[in-house]
Amino acid sequence: MNKYKLIFLLSFILSTESFSKSKIDESKIKETKEIISTLLPFQKSNSKINLEFKVDKCQINKSKWIMLLVAKTPFTESLKFSKNCDVEGTYKAKREVPFPVNLKLKKLKHFKQVKFNFLINLAYEPIPMIKIQMQNGILNGTKNKITFDVSYSADIDPFSKDIIKKDNGGTLRIKTIDGIKVNQKYPLKIK
């Protein structure tokens, strides 16, 4: 292949890639970040988030989550749609083992369902810390699909009212949006 054909081919590939990135709807990325921040356990409230999407009043049993962290006691939890709970689904939570989560979502513009493998661990570095991963995540809507991974950590005090002592933050990595490869990282904080 001569150098002119190679230059033309590279120019074509680069122009196609920049065109694809320009087609990405930024509102989908914003909604994804807000959904993920809201779904992380132990958040105080999503009152700072401008979505109508709420989970702060869902029947989430925080004492079972604390027992999971402290004593590795697995449990099954079912969430149902209500006035202030915009997720529905059942999962069996385990510590140090990825477990599947499949939730229906409501009141969102782009998405109706989220699926991911959830991994939660307790570490001592040098104080108690939770480390969370959402692996192989998929947000689905009627016409929208985002694939993602999340890593997050926080210093905790399991015996205080506000379990999160310090939000260390994390990263949301969006892999694809509507079939377009994105592979972009975004900082993530819940407080």
N, C-alpha and C. Protein backbone atom coordinates (compact mmCIF):
# COMPACT_ATOMS: atom_id res chain seq x y z
N MET A 1 0.86 -1.17 0.00
CA MET A 1 0.00 0.00 0.00
C MET A 1 0.91 1.24 0.00
N ASN A 2 0.66 2.15 -0.92
CA ASN A 2 1.52 3.32 -0.95
C ASN A 2 1.12 4.30 0.15
N LYS A 3 1.99 5.28 0.41
CA LYS A 3 1.78 6.17 1.55
C LYS A 3 0.55 7.06 1.37
N TYR A 4 0.14 7.39 0.13
CA TYR A 4 -1.04 8.23 -0.07
C TYR A 4 -2.32 7.48 0.29
N LYS A 5 -2.37 6.22 -0.07
CA LYS A 5 -3.54 5.41 0.31
C LYS A 5 -3.60 5.26 1.83
N LEU A 6 -2.45 5.06 2.46
CA LEU A 6 -2.39 4.92 3.91
C LEU A 6 -2.85 6.21 4.60
N ILE A 7 -2.39 7.37 4.09
CA ILE A 7 -2.80 8.66 4.66
C ILE A 7 -4.30 8.85 4.48
N PHE A 8 -4.83 8.52 3.31
CA PHE A 8 -6.27 8.64 3.07
C PHE A 8 -7.05 7.74 4.03
N LEU A 9 -6.60 6.50 4.19
CA LEU A 9 -7.28 5.55 5.07
C LEU A 9 -7.27 6.04 6.52
N LEU A 10 -6.13 6.50 7.00
CA LEU A 10 -6.05 7.02 8.36
C LEU A 10 -6.93 8.25 8.54
N SER A 11 -6.95 9.15 7.56
CA SER A 11 -7.81 10.34 7.62
C SER A 11 -9.27 9.95 7.69
N PHE A 12 -9.66 8.95 6.91
CA PHE A 12 -11.05 8.48 6.91
C PHE A 12 -11.43 7.89 8.26
N ILE A 13 -10.56 7.06 8.81
CA ILE A 13 -10.83 6.43 10.12
C ILE A 13 -10.95 7.50 11.19
N LEU A 14 -10.04 8.45 11.24
CA LEU A 14 -10.07 9.50 12.25
C LEU A 14 -11.30 10.39 12.10
N SER A 15 -11.70 10.71 10.89
CA SER A 15 -12.89 11.55 10.71
C SER A 15 -14.15 10.79 11.10
N THR A 16 -14.20 9.49 10.84
CA THR A 16 -15.34 8.67 11.25
C THR A 16 -15.43 8.59 12.75
N GLU A 17 -14.28 8.42 13.43
CA GLU A 17 -14.27 8.33 14.89
C GLU A 17 -14.73 9.63 15.51
N SER A 18 -14.24 10.78 15.03
CA SER A 18 -14.66 12.06 15.61
C SER A 18 -16.14 12.31 15.32
N PHE A 19 -16.64 11.88 14.16
CA PHE A 19 -18.06 12.02 13.85
C PHE A 19 -18.89 11.19 14.82
N SER A 20 -18.46 9.96 15.13
CA SER A 20 -19.19 9.10 16.06
C SER A 20 -19.25 9.73 17.44
N LYS A 21 -18.13 10.27 17.92
CA LYS A 21 -18.12 10.89 19.25
C LYS A 21 -19.02 12.11 19.30
N SER A 22 -19.12 12.85 18.19
CA SER A 22 -19.97 14.04 18.18
C SER A 22 -21.44 13.66 18.23
N LYS A 23 -21.80 12.44 17.83
CA LYS A 23 -23.19 11.99 17.85
C LYS A 23 -23.65 11.57 19.24
N ILE A 24 -22.73 11.46 20.20
CA ILE A 24 -23.07 11.00 21.54
C ILE A 24 -23.89 12.06 22.27
N ASP A 25 -25.01 11.64 22.80
CA ASP A 25 -25.90 12.53 23.53
C ASP A 25 -25.37 12.69 24.95
N GLU A 26 -24.90 13.89 25.28
CA GLU A 26 -24.32 14.17 26.61
C GLU A 26 -25.34 13.96 27.72
N SER A 27 -26.63 14.13 27.43
CA SER A 27 -27.65 13.94 28.47
C SER A 27 -27.70 12.48 28.93
N LYS A 28 -27.36 11.54 28.05
CA LYS A 28 -27.30 10.13 28.44
C LYS A 28 -26.16 9.90 29.42
N ILE A 29 -25.03 10.54 29.18
CA ILE A 29 -23.88 10.40 30.09
C ILE A 29 -24.23 11.01 31.45
N LYS A 30 -24.83 12.18 31.45
CA LYS A 30 -25.21 12.84 32.70
C LYS A 30 -26.20 11.97 33.48
N GLU A 31 -27.21 11.44 32.79
CA GLU A 31 -28.21 10.60 33.45
C GLU A 31 -27.55 9.33 33.99
N THR A 32 -26.62 8.75 33.26
CA THR A 32 -25.91 7.56 33.71
C THR A 32 -25.14 7.84 34.99
N LYS A 33 -24.40 8.95 35.04
CA LYS A 33 -23.63 9.30 36.24
C LYS A 33 -24.56 9.48 37.44
N GLU A 34 -25.69 10.12 37.23
CA GLU A 34 -26.62 10.36 38.33
C GLU A 34 -27.27 9.05 38.80
N ILE A 35 -27.60 8.16 37.88
CA ILE A 35 -28.20 6.87 38.25
C ILE A 35 -27.20 6.07 39.09
N ILE A 36 -25.97 5.96 38.61
CA ILE A 36 -24.95 5.18 39.32
C ILE A 36 -24.71 5.75 40.70
N SER A 37 -24.56 7.07 40.82
CA SER A 37 -24.34 7.70 42.13
C SER A 37 -25.50 7.40 43.07
N THR A 38 -26.71 7.41 42.55
CA THR A 38 -27.90 7.16 43.36
C THR A 38 -27.98 5.71 43.80
N LEU A 39 -27.52 4.77 42.97
CA LEU A 39 -27.63 3.35 43.29
C LEU A 39 -26.55 2.84 44.24
N LEU A 40 -25.47 3.60 44.43
CA LEU A 40 -24.44 3.15 45.36
C LEU A 40 -25.02 3.07 46.76
N PRO A 41 -24.71 2.00 47.52
CA PRO A 41 -25.30 1.86 48.86
C PRO A 41 -24.76 2.88 49.84
N PHE A 42 -25.54 3.14 50.87
CA PHE A 42 -25.17 3.97 52.01
C PHE A 42 -25.10 5.46 51.71
N GLN A 43 -25.60 5.91 50.57
CA GLN A 43 -25.61 7.35 50.34
C GLN A 43 -26.61 7.98 51.29
N LYS A 44 -26.36 9.23 51.68
CA LYS A 44 -27.27 9.92 52.59
C LYS A 44 -28.63 10.13 51.94
N SER A 45 -28.62 10.71 50.77
CA SER A 45 -29.84 11.05 50.06
C SER A 45 -29.44 11.48 48.67
N ASN A 46 -30.36 11.42 47.76
CA ASN A 46 -30.04 11.93 46.43
C ASN A 46 -30.66 13.32 46.24
N SER A 47 -30.82 14.06 47.35
CA SER A 47 -31.44 15.37 47.27
C SER A 47 -30.61 16.37 46.48
N LYS A 48 -29.29 16.16 46.38
CA LYS A 48 -28.44 17.06 45.61
C LYS A 48 -28.48 16.73 44.12
N ILE A 49 -29.06 15.60 43.77
CA ILE A 49 -29.12 15.18 42.38
C ILE A 49 -30.39 15.74 41.77
N ASN A 50 -30.29 16.28 40.59
CA ASN A 50 -31.41 16.95 39.95
C ASN A 50 -32.34 16.02 39.19
N LEU A 51 -32.25 14.75 39.43
CA LEU A 51 -33.15 13.80 38.79
C LEU A 51 -34.42 13.64 39.62
N GLU A 52 -35.48 13.28 38.97
CA GLU A 52 -36.67 12.88 39.71
C GLU A 52 -36.54 11.44 40.18
N PHE A 53 -35.54 10.75 39.69
CA PHE A 53 -35.26 9.36 40.04
C PHE A 53 -34.79 9.29 41.49
N LYS A 54 -35.50 8.50 42.32
CA LYS A 54 -35.20 8.45 43.75
C LYS A 54 -35.10 7.00 44.24
N VAL A 55 -34.16 6.78 45.14
CA VAL A 55 -34.07 5.49 45.82
C VAL A 55 -33.89 5.68 47.32
N ASP A 56 -33.84 6.93 47.79
CA ASP A 56 -33.55 7.18 49.19
C ASP A 56 -34.64 6.71 50.15
N LYS A 57 -35.83 6.44 49.66
CA LYS A 57 -36.92 5.94 50.51
C LYS A 57 -37.28 4.49 50.18
N CYS A 58 -36.46 3.81 49.40
CA CYS A 58 -36.70 2.39 49.13
C CYS A 58 -36.52 1.59 50.42
N GLN A 59 -37.16 0.46 50.49
CA GLN A 59 -37.08 -0.39 51.68
C GLN A 59 -35.76 -1.17 51.70
N ILE A 60 -34.64 -0.43 51.74
CA ILE A 60 -33.32 -1.04 51.81
C ILE A 60 -32.96 -1.21 53.28
N ASN A 61 -32.64 -2.43 53.66
CA ASN A 61 -32.34 -2.73 55.06
C ASN A 61 -30.86 -2.49 55.33
N LYS A 62 -30.53 -1.30 55.83
CA LYS A 62 -29.13 -0.95 56.06
C LYS A 62 -28.48 -1.85 57.11
N SER A 63 -29.25 -2.34 58.07
CA SER A 63 -28.66 -3.23 59.08
C SER A 63 -28.19 -4.54 58.45
N LYS A 64 -28.91 -5.04 57.44
CA LYS A 64 -28.46 -6.24 56.74
C LYS A 64 -27.18 -5.97 55.94
N TRP A 65 -27.09 -4.77 55.35
CA TRP A 65 -25.87 -4.41 54.63
C TRP A 65 -24.68 -4.32 55.59
N ILE A 66 -24.91 -3.77 56.78
CA ILE A 66 -23.84 -3.69 57.77
C ILE A 66 -23.42 -5.09 58.21
N MET A 67 -24.38 -5.98 58.43
CA MET A 67 -24.05 -7.37 58.80
C MET A 67 -23.30 -8.06 57.66
N LEU A 68 -23.64 -7.75 56.44
CA LEU A 68 -22.91 -8.29 55.30
C LEU A 68 -21.46 -7.84 55.36
N LEU A 69 -21.23 -6.56 55.64
CA LEU A 69 -19.86 -6.05 55.71
C LEU A 69 -19.09 -6.63 56.89
N VAL A 70 -19.71 -6.65 58.06
CA VAL A 70 -19.00 -7.05 59.28
C VAL A 70 -18.89 -8.56 59.41
N ALA A 71 -19.96 -9.29 59.15
CA ALA A 71 -19.98 -10.73 59.42
C ALA A 71 -20.12 -11.60 58.17
N LYS A 72 -20.10 -10.99 56.98
CA LYS A 72 -20.26 -11.72 55.71
C LYS A 72 -21.58 -12.48 55.64
N THR A 73 -22.63 -11.96 56.27
CA THR A 73 -23.93 -12.62 56.29
C THR A 73 -24.71 -12.27 55.02
N PRO A 74 -24.87 -13.21 54.08
CA PRO A 74 -25.62 -12.90 52.86
C PRO A 74 -27.11 -12.72 53.17
N PHE A 75 -27.80 -12.00 52.31
CA PHE A 75 -29.23 -11.79 52.49
C PHE A 75 -29.87 -11.53 51.13
N THR A 76 -31.18 -11.71 51.08
CA THR A 76 -31.95 -11.42 49.87
C THR A 76 -32.79 -10.19 50.15
N GLU A 77 -32.80 -9.28 49.18
CA GLU A 77 -33.56 -8.04 49.34
C GLU A 77 -34.42 -7.84 48.09
N SER A 78 -35.67 -7.44 48.33
CA SER A 78 -36.60 -7.13 47.24
C SER A 78 -37.00 -5.68 47.34
N LEU A 79 -36.87 -4.97 46.25
CA LEU A 79 -37.27 -3.57 46.19
C LEU A 79 -38.50 -3.47 45.29
N LYS A 80 -39.45 -2.64 45.70
CA LYS A 80 -40.70 -2.46 44.94
C LYS A 80 -40.88 -0.98 44.62
N PHE A 81 -41.45 -0.70 43.45
CA PHE A 81 -41.78 0.66 43.09
C PHE A 81 -42.72 1.26 44.13
N SER A 82 -42.50 2.51 44.50
CA SER A 82 -43.40 3.25 45.37
C SER A 82 -43.24 4.73 45.03
N LYS A 83 -43.86 5.59 45.81
CA LYS A 83 -43.81 7.02 45.54
C LYS A 83 -42.37 7.54 45.51
N ASN A 84 -41.53 7.11 46.43
CA ASN A 84 -40.15 7.58 46.51
C ASN A 84 -39.14 6.47 46.27
N CYS A 85 -39.54 5.43 45.56
CA CYS A 85 -38.62 4.35 45.21
C CYS A 85 -38.83 4.02 43.74
N ASP A 86 -37.88 4.42 42.94
CA ASP A 86 -38.01 4.30 41.49
C ASP A 86 -37.24 3.11 40.93
N VAL A 87 -37.01 2.09 41.76
CA VAL A 87 -36.38 0.85 41.31
C VAL A 87 -37.20 -0.33 41.81
N GLU A 88 -37.12 -1.43 41.06
CA GLU A 88 -37.81 -2.65 41.45
C GLU A 88 -36.97 -3.84 41.02
N GLY A 89 -36.82 -4.79 41.94
CA GLY A 89 -36.06 -5.99 41.63
C GLY A 89 -35.64 -6.71 42.90
N THR A 90 -35.11 -7.90 42.74
CA THR A 90 -34.65 -8.72 43.86
C THR A 90 -33.22 -9.16 43.58
N TYR A 91 -32.41 -9.16 44.62
CA TYR A 91 -31.03 -9.64 44.50
C TYR A 91 -30.61 -10.32 45.79
N LYS A 92 -29.62 -11.17 45.70
CA LYS A 92 -29.07 -11.83 46.88
C LYS A 92 -27.65 -11.28 47.08
N ALA A 93 -27.51 -10.46 48.12
CA ALA A 93 -26.25 -9.78 48.38
C ALA A 93 -25.27 -10.70 49.09
N LYS A 94 -24.02 -10.67 48.63
CA LYS A 94 -22.92 -11.44 49.21
C LYS A 94 -21.70 -10.54 49.28
N ARG A 95 -20.81 -10.81 50.22
CA ARG A 95 -19.57 -10.05 50.30
C ARG A 95 -18.45 -10.84 49.65
N GLU A 96 -17.59 -10.16 48.94
CA GLU A 96 -16.40 -10.72 48.30
C GLU A 96 -16.69 -11.66 47.14
N VAL A 97 -17.96 -11.72 46.71
CA VAL A 97 -18.35 -12.53 45.57
C VAL A 97 -19.28 -11.68 44.70
N PRO A 98 -18.99 -11.51 43.41
CA PRO A 98 -19.90 -10.73 42.57
C PRO A 98 -21.28 -11.39 42.53
N PHE A 99 -22.32 -10.58 42.72
CA PHE A 99 -23.69 -11.10 42.62
C PHE A 99 -24.47 -10.25 41.62
N PRO A 100 -25.37 -10.90 40.86
CA PRO A 100 -26.10 -10.17 39.82
C PRO A 100 -27.20 -9.27 40.40
N VAL A 101 -27.31 -8.09 39.84
CA VAL A 101 -28.38 -7.16 40.18
C VAL A 101 -29.08 -6.80 38.86
N ASN A 102 -30.41 -6.91 38.87
CA ASN A 102 -31.21 -6.60 37.69
C ASN A 102 -32.41 -5.80 38.19
N LEU A 103 -32.41 -4.49 37.92
CA LEU A 103 -33.45 -3.61 38.45
C LEU A 103 -34.20 -2.92 37.32
N LYS A 104 -35.52 -2.85 37.47
CA LYS A 104 -36.33 -2.02 36.59
C LYS A 104 -36.26 -0.59 37.14
N LEU A 105 -36.28 0.39 36.24
CA LEU A 105 -36.18 1.79 36.62
C LEU A 105 -37.39 2.56 36.09
N LYS A 106 -37.79 3.60 36.81
CA LYS A 106 -38.88 4.45 36.30
C LYS A 106 -38.50 5.92 36.48
N LYS A 107 -39.24 6.80 35.83
CA LYS A 107 -39.06 8.25 35.86
C LYS A 107 -37.77 8.73 35.20
N LEU A 108 -37.23 7.95 34.29
CA LEU A 108 -36.01 8.35 33.60
C LEU A 108 -36.29 8.59 32.13
N LYS A 109 -35.56 9.50 31.54
CA LYS A 109 -35.76 9.85 30.13
C LYS A 109 -35.25 8.76 29.20
N HIS A 110 -34.07 8.21 29.51
CA HIS A 110 -33.41 7.31 28.57
C HIS A 110 -33.45 5.83 28.94
N PHE A 111 -33.60 5.50 30.21
CA PHE A 111 -33.37 4.12 30.64
C PHE A 111 -34.53 3.53 31.44
N LYS A 112 -34.76 2.23 31.24
CA LYS A 112 -35.84 1.50 31.92
C LYS A 112 -35.32 0.33 32.77
N GLN A 113 -34.02 -0.02 32.63
CA GLN A 113 -33.49 -1.19 33.31
C GLN A 113 -31.98 -1.03 33.47
N VAL A 114 -31.46 -1.56 34.59
CA VAL A 114 -30.02 -1.63 34.79
C VAL A 114 -29.66 -3.03 35.27
N LYS A 115 -28.59 -3.57 34.71
CA LYS A 115 -28.07 -4.88 35.12
C LYS A 115 -26.57 -4.72 35.35
N PHE A 116 -26.06 -5.37 36.38
CA PHE A 116 -24.62 -5.39 36.63
C PHE A 116 -24.30 -6.48 37.63
N ASN A 117 -23.05 -6.86 37.72
CA ASN A 117 -22.55 -7.74 38.77
C ASN A 117 -21.96 -6.84 39.84
N PHE A 118 -22.45 -6.98 41.06
CA PHE A 118 -22.07 -6.11 42.17
C PHE A 118 -21.07 -6.84 43.06
N LEU A 119 -19.96 -6.20 43.33
CA LEU A 119 -18.92 -6.77 44.20
C LEU A 119 -18.65 -5.76 45.30
N ILE A 120 -18.82 -6.20 46.55
CA ILE A 120 -18.57 -5.33 47.70
C ILE A 120 -17.60 -6.04 48.64
N ASN A 121 -16.58 -5.32 49.07
CA ASN A 121 -15.56 -5.85 49.96
C ASN A 121 -15.31 -4.88 51.10
N LEU A 122 -14.81 -5.40 52.20
CA LEU A 122 -14.40 -4.59 53.33
C LEU A 122 -12.89 -4.72 53.43
N ALA A 123 -12.22 -3.59 53.54
CA ALA A 123 -10.77 -3.59 53.65
C ALA A 123 -10.38 -2.74 54.86
N TYR A 124 -9.17 -2.93 55.34
CA TYR A 124 -8.63 -2.13 56.44
C TYR A 124 -7.34 -1.51 55.95
N GLU A 125 -7.39 -0.24 55.55
CA GLU A 125 -6.22 0.40 54.94
C GLU A 125 -6.00 1.81 55.46
N PRO A 126 -5.63 2.15 56.58
CA PRO A 126 -5.55 1.45 57.86
C PRO A 126 -6.87 1.48 58.63
N ILE A 127 -7.90 2.13 58.07
CA ILE A 127 -9.21 2.15 58.74
C ILE A 127 -10.20 1.38 57.87
N PRO A 128 -11.38 0.99 58.43
CA PRO A 128 -12.35 0.25 57.62
C PRO A 128 -12.78 1.03 56.39
N MET A 129 -12.83 0.33 55.28
CA MET A 129 -13.18 0.93 54.00
C MET A 129 -14.00 -0.07 53.20
N ILE A 130 -15.05 0.43 52.55
CA ILE A 130 -15.77 -0.43 51.60
C ILE A 130 -15.21 -0.15 50.21
N LYS A 131 -15.10 -1.22 49.45
CA LYS A 131 -14.70 -1.11 48.06
C LYS A 131 -15.81 -1.76 47.25
N ILE A 132 -16.31 -1.03 46.28
CA ILE A 132 -17.45 -1.48 45.49
C ILE A 132 -17.07 -1.48 44.02
N GLN A 133 -17.55 -2.50 43.32
CA GLN A 133 -17.43 -2.54 41.86
C GLN A 133 -18.77 -2.95 41.27
N MET A 134 -19.13 -2.28 40.20
CA MET A 134 -20.26 -2.70 39.37
C MET A 134 -19.62 -3.14 38.06
N GLN A 135 -19.67 -4.44 37.82
CA GLN A 135 -18.97 -5.02 36.68
C GLN A 135 -19.95 -5.37 35.57
N ASN A 136 -19.52 -5.21 34.32
CA ASN A 136 -20.32 -5.58 33.15
C ASN A 136 -21.72 -4.98 33.19
N GLY A 137 -21.81 -3.70 33.55
CA GLY A 137 -23.09 -3.03 33.69
C GLY A 137 -23.71 -2.68 32.34
N ILE A 138 -25.05 -2.76 32.32
CA ILE A 138 -25.82 -2.38 31.12
C ILE A 138 -27.02 -1.57 31.57
N LEU A 139 -27.15 -0.36 31.04
CA LEU A 139 -28.35 0.45 31.18
C LEU A 139 -29.12 0.34 29.88
N ASN A 140 -30.38 -0.10 29.96
CA ASN A 140 -31.20 -0.29 28.76
C ASN A 140 -32.41 0.64 28.78
N GLY A 141 -32.76 1.13 27.63
CA GLY A 141 -33.99 1.88 27.43
C GLY A 141 -34.63 1.37 26.16
N THR A 142 -35.70 2.00 25.76
CA THR A 142 -36.38 1.59 24.54
C THR A 142 -35.45 1.69 23.34
N LYS A 143 -34.72 2.81 23.24
CA LYS A 143 -33.82 3.02 22.10
C LYS A 143 -32.38 3.25 22.56
N ASN A 144 -32.11 3.13 23.84
CA ASN A 144 -30.81 3.50 24.38
C ASN A 144 -30.15 2.34 25.11
N LYS A 145 -28.81 2.29 25.01
CA LYS A 145 -28.07 1.25 25.72
C LYS A 145 -26.67 1.78 26.02
N ILE A 146 -26.29 1.69 27.29
CA ILE A 146 -24.95 2.07 27.72
C ILE A 146 -24.35 0.90 28.48
N THR A 147 -23.11 0.57 28.16
CA THR A 147 -22.38 -0.44 28.93
C THR A 147 -21.33 0.29 29.77
N PHE A 148 -21.11 -0.21 30.99
CA PHE A 148 -20.26 0.52 31.92
C PHE A 148 -19.64 -0.41 32.96
N ASP A 149 -18.63 0.12 33.66
CA ASP A 149 -18.04 -0.47 34.86
C ASP A 149 -17.88 0.66 35.87
N VAL A 150 -17.93 0.33 37.16
CA VAL A 150 -17.76 1.31 38.22
C VAL A 150 -16.83 0.75 39.27
N SER A 151 -15.95 1.60 39.79
CA SER A 151 -15.20 1.27 41.00
C SER A 151 -15.36 2.46 41.94
N TYR A 152 -15.52 2.16 43.25
CA TYR A 152 -15.81 3.20 44.23
C TYR A 152 -15.31 2.72 45.59
N SER A 153 -14.88 3.67 46.44
CA SER A 153 -14.51 3.30 47.80
C SER A 153 -14.85 4.43 48.76
N ALA A 154 -15.03 4.07 50.03
CA ALA A 154 -15.33 5.05 51.08
C ALA A 154 -14.81 4.52 52.40
N ASP A 155 -14.28 5.42 53.23
CA ASP A 155 -13.94 5.08 54.61
C ASP A 155 -15.25 5.00 55.37
N ILE A 156 -15.38 4.00 56.24
CA ILE A 156 -16.65 3.81 56.93
C ILE A 156 -16.48 3.65 58.43
N ASP A 157 -17.57 3.87 59.14
CA ASP A 157 -17.70 3.54 60.56
C ASP A 157 -19.04 2.82 60.68
N PRO A 158 -19.01 1.47 60.67
CA PRO A 158 -20.26 0.72 60.65
C PRO A 158 -21.15 0.92 61.87
N PHE A 159 -20.61 1.56 62.91
CA PHE A 159 -21.38 1.70 64.15
C PHE A 159 -21.90 3.12 64.36
N SER A 160 -21.73 4.00 63.39
CA SER A 160 -22.27 5.35 63.52
C SER A 160 -23.53 5.48 62.66
N LYS A 161 -24.30 6.53 62.94
CA LYS A 161 -25.54 6.75 62.19
C LYS A 161 -25.26 6.95 60.71
N ASP A 162 -24.27 7.76 60.41
CA ASP A 162 -23.86 8.00 59.02
C ASP A 162 -22.66 7.10 58.75
N ILE A 163 -22.88 5.95 58.15
CA ILE A 163 -21.85 4.93 57.98
C ILE A 163 -20.65 5.43 57.17
N ILE A 164 -20.89 6.31 56.20
CA ILE A 164 -19.80 6.83 55.37
C ILE A 164 -19.10 7.97 56.12
N LYS A 165 -17.82 7.75 56.46
CA LYS A 165 -17.03 8.79 57.12
C LYS A 165 -16.38 9.70 56.08
N LYS A 166 -15.87 9.09 55.01
CA LYS A 166 -15.19 9.87 53.97
C LYS A 166 -15.45 9.20 52.62
N ASP A 167 -15.98 9.97 51.71
CA ASP A 167 -16.21 9.50 50.35
C ASP A 167 -14.89 9.62 49.58
N ASN A 168 -14.27 8.49 49.29
CA ASN A 168 -13.01 8.50 48.53
C ASN A 168 -13.26 8.61 47.03
N GLY A 169 -14.51 8.46 46.66
CA GLY A 169 -14.87 8.59 45.25
C GLY A 169 -14.53 7.35 44.45
N GLY A 170 -14.62 7.48 43.17
CA GLY A 170 -14.36 6.36 42.29
C GLY A 170 -14.41 6.79 40.85
N THR A 171 -14.61 5.80 40.00
CA THR A 171 -14.60 6.04 38.56
C THR A 171 -15.75 5.29 37.90
N LEU A 172 -16.45 6.00 37.04
CA LEU A 172 -17.44 5.40 36.14
C LEU A 172 -16.77 5.33 34.78
N ARG A 173 -16.66 4.12 34.23
CA ARG A 173 -16.10 3.96 32.89
C ARG A 173 -17.22 3.55 31.96
N ILE A 174 -17.59 4.46 31.06
CA ILE A 174 -18.60 4.16 30.06
C ILE A 174 -17.88 3.53 28.88
N LYS A 175 -18.25 2.28 28.58
CA LYS A 175 -17.58 1.55 27.51
C LYS A 175 -18.22 1.83 26.15
N THR A 176 -19.56 1.73 26.08
CA THR A 176 -20.25 2.00 24.82
C THR A 176 -21.54 2.77 25.08
N ILE A 177 -21.94 3.55 24.09
CA ILE A 177 -23.24 4.23 24.10
C ILE A 177 -23.92 3.91 22.78
N ASP A 178 -25.04 3.22 22.86
CA ASP A 178 -25.81 2.85 21.67
C ASP A 178 -24.94 2.18 20.61
N GLY A 179 -24.05 1.29 21.07
CA GLY A 179 -23.21 0.54 20.16
C GLY A 179 -21.94 1.26 19.72
N ILE A 180 -21.80 2.53 20.09
CA ILE A 180 -20.60 3.30 19.73
C ILE A 180 -19.58 3.14 20.85
N LYS A 181 -18.39 2.70 20.51
CA LYS A 181 -17.33 2.53 21.51
C LYS A 181 -16.89 3.91 22.00
N VAL A 182 -16.95 4.11 23.33
CA VAL A 182 -16.63 5.39 23.93
C VAL A 182 -15.38 5.27 24.80
N ASN A 183 -15.40 4.34 25.74
CA ASN A 183 -14.30 4.09 26.66
C ASN A 183 -13.82 5.37 27.35
N GLN A 184 -14.75 6.07 28.00
CA GLN A 184 -14.45 7.31 28.71
C GLN A 184 -14.62 7.10 30.21
N LYS A 185 -13.75 7.74 30.99
CA LYS A 185 -13.81 7.65 32.45
C LYS A 185 -14.32 8.98 33.01
N TYR A 186 -15.16 8.86 34.07
CA TYR A 186 -15.73 10.02 34.73
C TYR A 186 -15.56 9.85 36.24
N PRO A 187 -15.18 10.92 36.95
CA PRO A 187 -15.06 10.81 38.41
C PRO A 187 -16.45 10.63 39.03
N LEU A 188 -16.47 9.95 40.17
CA LEU A 188 -17.74 9.60 40.82
C LEU A 188 -17.63 9.88 42.31
N LYS A 189 -18.56 10.67 42.83
CA LYS A 189 -18.67 10.95 44.26
C LYS A 189 -20.15 10.86 44.61
N ILE A 190 -20.44 10.41 45.85
CA ILE A 190 -21.86 10.33 46.23
C ILE A 190 -22.23 11.41 47.22
N LYS A 191 -21.29 12.09 47.83
CA LYS A 191 -21.63 13.16 48.79
C LYS A 191 -21.24 14.49 48.23
